[in-house]
């Protein structure tokens, strides 16, 4: 039974990591399309930059959330203190990145 749970956990961790990659890649492509469309059609560089940064910021934020979830799931099965410490550091770094990223995105809305 433990092997089944471990295999299922590994599968879900891999899915979370793949989803993070997909979300970030789609965000990058959408931001690029928004930027190029605005630059080529409307010639408004500031708006193009602002809109593309918002799109990529949201994608990075969601991608980081998936990666935090994957990191938590990795340490579910019999973690050592070293694993818990590494998880805490990873979550702290990713949460800080997400906080500052969202703060930057929100500041773009106010402009």
C-alpha atoms as a PDB file:
ATOM      1  CA  UNK A   1       0.000   0.000   0.000  1.00  0.00           C
ATOM      2  CA  UNK A   2       2.853   2.371   0.839  1.00  0.00           C
ATOM      3  CA  UNK A   3       4.375   1.838  -2.608  1.00  0.00           C
ATOM      4  CA  UNK A   4       1.081   2.734  -4.273  1.00  0.00           C
ATOM      5  CA  UNK A   5       0.769   5.926  -2.230  1.00  0.00           C
ATOM      6  CA  UNK A   6       4.406   6.813  -2.959  1.00  0.00           C
ATOM      7  CA  UNK A   7       3.926   6.208  -6.682  1.00  0.00           C
ATOM      8  CA  UNK A   8       0.721   8.258  -6.692  1.00  0.00           C
ATOM      9  CA  UNK A   9       2.473  11.046  -4.791  1.00  0.00           C
ATOM     10  CA  UNK A  10       5.357  11.061  -7.287  1.00  0.00           C
ATOM     11  CA  UNK A  11       2.870  11.138 -10.163  1.00  0.00           C
ATOM     12  CA  UNK A  12       0.998  14.112  -8.678  1.00  0.00           C
ATOM     13  CA  UNK A  13       4.286  15.937  -7.983  1.00  0.00           C
ATOM     14  CA  UNK A  14       5.300  15.453 -11.612  1.00  0.00           C
ATOM     15  CA  UNK A  15       1.891  16.670 -12.793  1.00  0.00           C
ATOM     16  CA  UNK A  16       2.208  19.801 -10.628  1.00  0.00           C
ATOM     17  CA  UNK A  17       5.657  20.510 -12.042  1.00  0.00           C
ATOM     18  CA  UNK A  18       4.443  19.992 -15.610  1.00  0.00           C
ATOM     19  CA  UNK A  19       1.447  22.254 -14.973  1.00  0.00           C
ATOM     20  CA  UNK A  20       3.796  24.932 -13.636  1.00  0.00           C
ATOM     21  CA  UNK A  21       5.892  24.705 -16.799  1.00  0.00           C
ATOM     22  CA  UNK A  22       2.832  24.803 -19.050  1.00  0.00           C
ATOM     23  CA  UNK A  23       1.285  27.772 -17.223  1.00  0.00           C
ATOM     24  CA  UNK A  24       4.540  29.725 -17.355  1.00  0.00           C
ATOM     25  CA  UNK A  25       5.137  28.887 -21.030  1.00  0.00           C
ATOM     26  CA  UNK A  26       1.590  29.915 -21.979  1.00  0.00           C
ATOM     27  CA  UNK A  27       2.012  33.116 -19.971  1.00  0.00           C
ATOM     28  CA  UNK A  28       5.248  33.906 -21.786  1.00  0.00           C
ATOM     29  CA  UNK A  29       3.664  33.316 -25.199  1.00  0.00           C
ATOM     30  CA  UNK A  30       0.568  35.342 -24.308  1.00  0.00           C
ATOM     31  CA  UNK A  31       2.727  38.193 -23.012  1.00  0.00           C
ATOM     32  CA  UNK A  32       4.784  38.133 -26.192  1.00  0.00           C
ATOM     33  CA  UNK A  33       1.661  38.177 -28.370  1.00  0.00           C
ATOM     34  CA  UNK A  34       0.163  41.044 -26.367  1.00  0.00           C
ATOM     35  CA  UNK A  35       3.404  42.997 -26.580  1.00  0.00           C
ATOM     36  CA  UNK A  36       3.903  42.457 -30.310  1.00  0.00           C
ATOM     37  CA  UNK A  37       0.241  43.186 -31.103  1.00  0.00           C
ATOM     38  CA  UNK A  38       0.278  46.428 -29.130  1.00  0.00           C
ATOM     39  CA  UNK A  39       3.645  47.561 -30.516  1.00  0.00           C
ATOM     40  CA  UNK A  40       2.830  46.712 -34.134  1.00  0.00           C
ATOM     41  CA  UNK A  41      -0.810  47.825 -34.241  1.00  0.00           C
ATOM     42  CA  UNK A  42      -1.178  50.667 -31.754  1.00  0.00           C
ATOM     43  CA  UNK A  43       2.408  51.912 -31.379  1.00  0.00           C
ATOM     44  CA  UNK A  44       1.918  52.355 -27.625  1.00  0.00           C
ATOM     45  CA  UNK A  45       5.088  50.977 -26.094  1.00  0.00           C
ATOM     46  CA  UNK A  46       4.155  51.789 -22.477  1.00  0.00           C
ATOM     47  CA  UNK A  47       0.767  50.058 -22.702  1.00  0.00           C
ATOM     48  CA  UNK A  48       2.335  47.094 -24.485  1.00  0.00           C
ATOM     49  CA  UNK A  49       4.936  46.699 -21.769  1.00  0.00           C
ATOM     50  CA  UNK A  50       2.403  47.143 -18.976  1.00  0.00           C
ATOM     51  CA  UNK A  51      -0.104  44.627 -20.360  1.00  0.00           C
ATOM     52  CA  UNK A  52       2.541  42.030 -21.184  1.00  0.00           C
ATOM     53  CA  UNK A  53       4.109  42.374 -17.718  1.00  0.00           C
ATOM     54  CA  UNK A  54       0.707  41.851 -16.105  1.00  0.00           C
ATOM     55  CA  UNK A  55       0.118  38.704 -18.142  1.00  0.00           C
ATOM     56  CA  UNK A  56       3.521  37.209 -17.425  1.00  0.00           C
ATOM     57  CA  UNK A  57       3.301  38.205 -13.756  1.00  0.00           C
ATOM     58  CA  UNK A  58       0.055  36.319 -13.296  1.00  0.00           C
ATOM     59  CA  UNK A  59       1.477  33.281 -15.094  1.00  0.00           C
ATOM     60  CA  UNK A  60       4.604  33.282 -12.924  1.00  0.00           C
ATOM     61  CA  UNK A  61       2.502  33.608  -9.787  1.00  0.00           C
ATOM     62  CA  UNK A  62       0.326  30.626 -10.706  1.00  0.00           C
ATOM     63  CA  UNK A  63       3.372  28.623 -11.762  1.00  0.00           C
ATOM     64  CA  UNK A  64       5.039  29.321  -8.424  1.00  0.00           C
ATOM     65  CA  UNK A  65       1.903  28.150  -6.621  1.00  0.00           C
ATOM     66  CA  UNK A  66       2.046  24.827  -8.479  1.00  0.00           C
ATOM     67  CA  UNK A  67       5.744  24.474  -7.636  1.00  0.00           C
ATOM     68  CA  UNK A  68       5.108  25.166  -3.944  1.00  0.00           C
ATOM     69  CA  UNK A  69       2.425  22.481  -3.955  1.00  0.00           C
ATOM     70  CA  UNK A  70       4.795  20.031  -5.624  1.00  0.00           C
ATOM     71  CA  UNK A  71       7.501  20.793  -3.059  1.00  0.00           C
ATOM     72  CA  UNK A  72       5.086  20.152  -0.200  1.00  0.00           C
ATOM     73  CA  UNK A  73       3.934  16.872  -1.712  1.00  0.00           C
ATOM     74  CA  UNK A  74       7.542  15.705  -2.190  1.00  0.00           C
ATOM     75  CA  UNK A  75       8.155  15.753   1.547  1.00  0.00           C
ATOM     76  CA  UNK A  76       4.916  14.101   2.666  1.00  0.00           C
ATOM     77  CA  UNK A  77       6.249  10.547   2.968  1.00  0.00           C
ATOM     78  CA  UNK A  78       8.518  10.216   6.035  1.00  0.00           C
ATOM     79  CA  UNK A  79      10.449  13.455   5.806  1.00  0.00           C
ATOM     80  CA  UNK A  80      13.706  13.929   7.653  1.00  0.00           C
ATOM     81  CA  UNK A  81      14.539  17.166   9.446  1.00  0.00           C
ATOM     82  CA  UNK A  82      16.853  18.007   6.559  1.00  0.00           C
ATOM     83  CA  UNK A  83      13.964  17.568   4.095  1.00  0.00           C
ATOM     84  CA  UNK A  84      11.712  19.768   6.243  1.00  0.00           C
ATOM     85  CA  UNK A  85      14.397  22.469   6.436  1.00  0.00           C
ATOM     86  CA  UNK A  86      14.898  22.403   2.676  1.00  0.00           C
ATOM     87  CA  UNK A  87      11.141  22.566   2.143  1.00  0.00           C
ATOM     88  CA  UNK A  88      10.847  25.524   4.494  1.00  0.00           C
ATOM     89  CA  UNK A  89      13.612  27.354   2.616  1.00  0.00           C
ATOM     90  CA  UNK A  90      12.059  26.584  -0.779  1.00  0.00           C
ATOM     91  CA  UNK A  91       8.613  27.693   0.342  1.00  0.00           C
ATOM     92  CA  UNK A  92      10.004  30.862   1.950  1.00  0.00           C
ATOM     93  CA  UNK A  93      11.895  31.809  -1.214  1.00  0.00           C
ATOM     94  CA  UNK A  94       8.992  31.029  -3.548  1.00  0.00           C
ATOM     95  CA  UNK A  95       6.487  32.787  -1.297  1.00  0.00           C
ATOM     96  CA  UNK A  96       8.700  35.879  -1.142  1.00  0.00           C
ATOM     97  CA  UNK A  97       9.063  35.822  -4.930  1.00  0.00           C
ATOM     98  CA  UNK A  98       5.320  35.487  -5.310  1.00  0.00           C
ATOM     99  CA  UNK A  99       4.658  38.323  -2.834  1.00  0.00           C
ATOM    100  CA  UNK A 100       6.971  40.756  -4.608  1.00  0.00           C
ATOM    101  CA  UNK A 101       5.735  39.649  -8.017  1.00  0.00           C
ATOM    102  CA  UNK A 102       2.103  40.245  -7.071  1.00  0.00           C
ATOM    103  CA  UNK A 103       3.005  43.569  -5.463  1.00  0.00           C
ATOM    104  CA  UNK A 104       4.663  44.629  -8.713  1.00  0.00           C
ATOM    105  CA  UNK A 105       1.658  43.487 -10.738  1.00  0.00           C
ATOM    106  CA  UNK A 106      -0.721  45.390  -8.442  1.00  0.00           C
ATOM    107  CA  UNK A 107       1.392  48.514  -8.792  1.00  0.00           C
ATOM    108  CA  UNK A 108       0.965  48.282 -12.566  1.00  0.00           C
ATOM    109  CA  UNK A 109      -2.818  48.315 -12.116  1.00  0.00           C
ATOM    110  CA  UNK A 110      -2.590  51.574 -10.192  1.00  0.00           C
ATOM    111  CA  UNK A 111      -0.639  53.382 -12.907  1.00  0.00           C
END
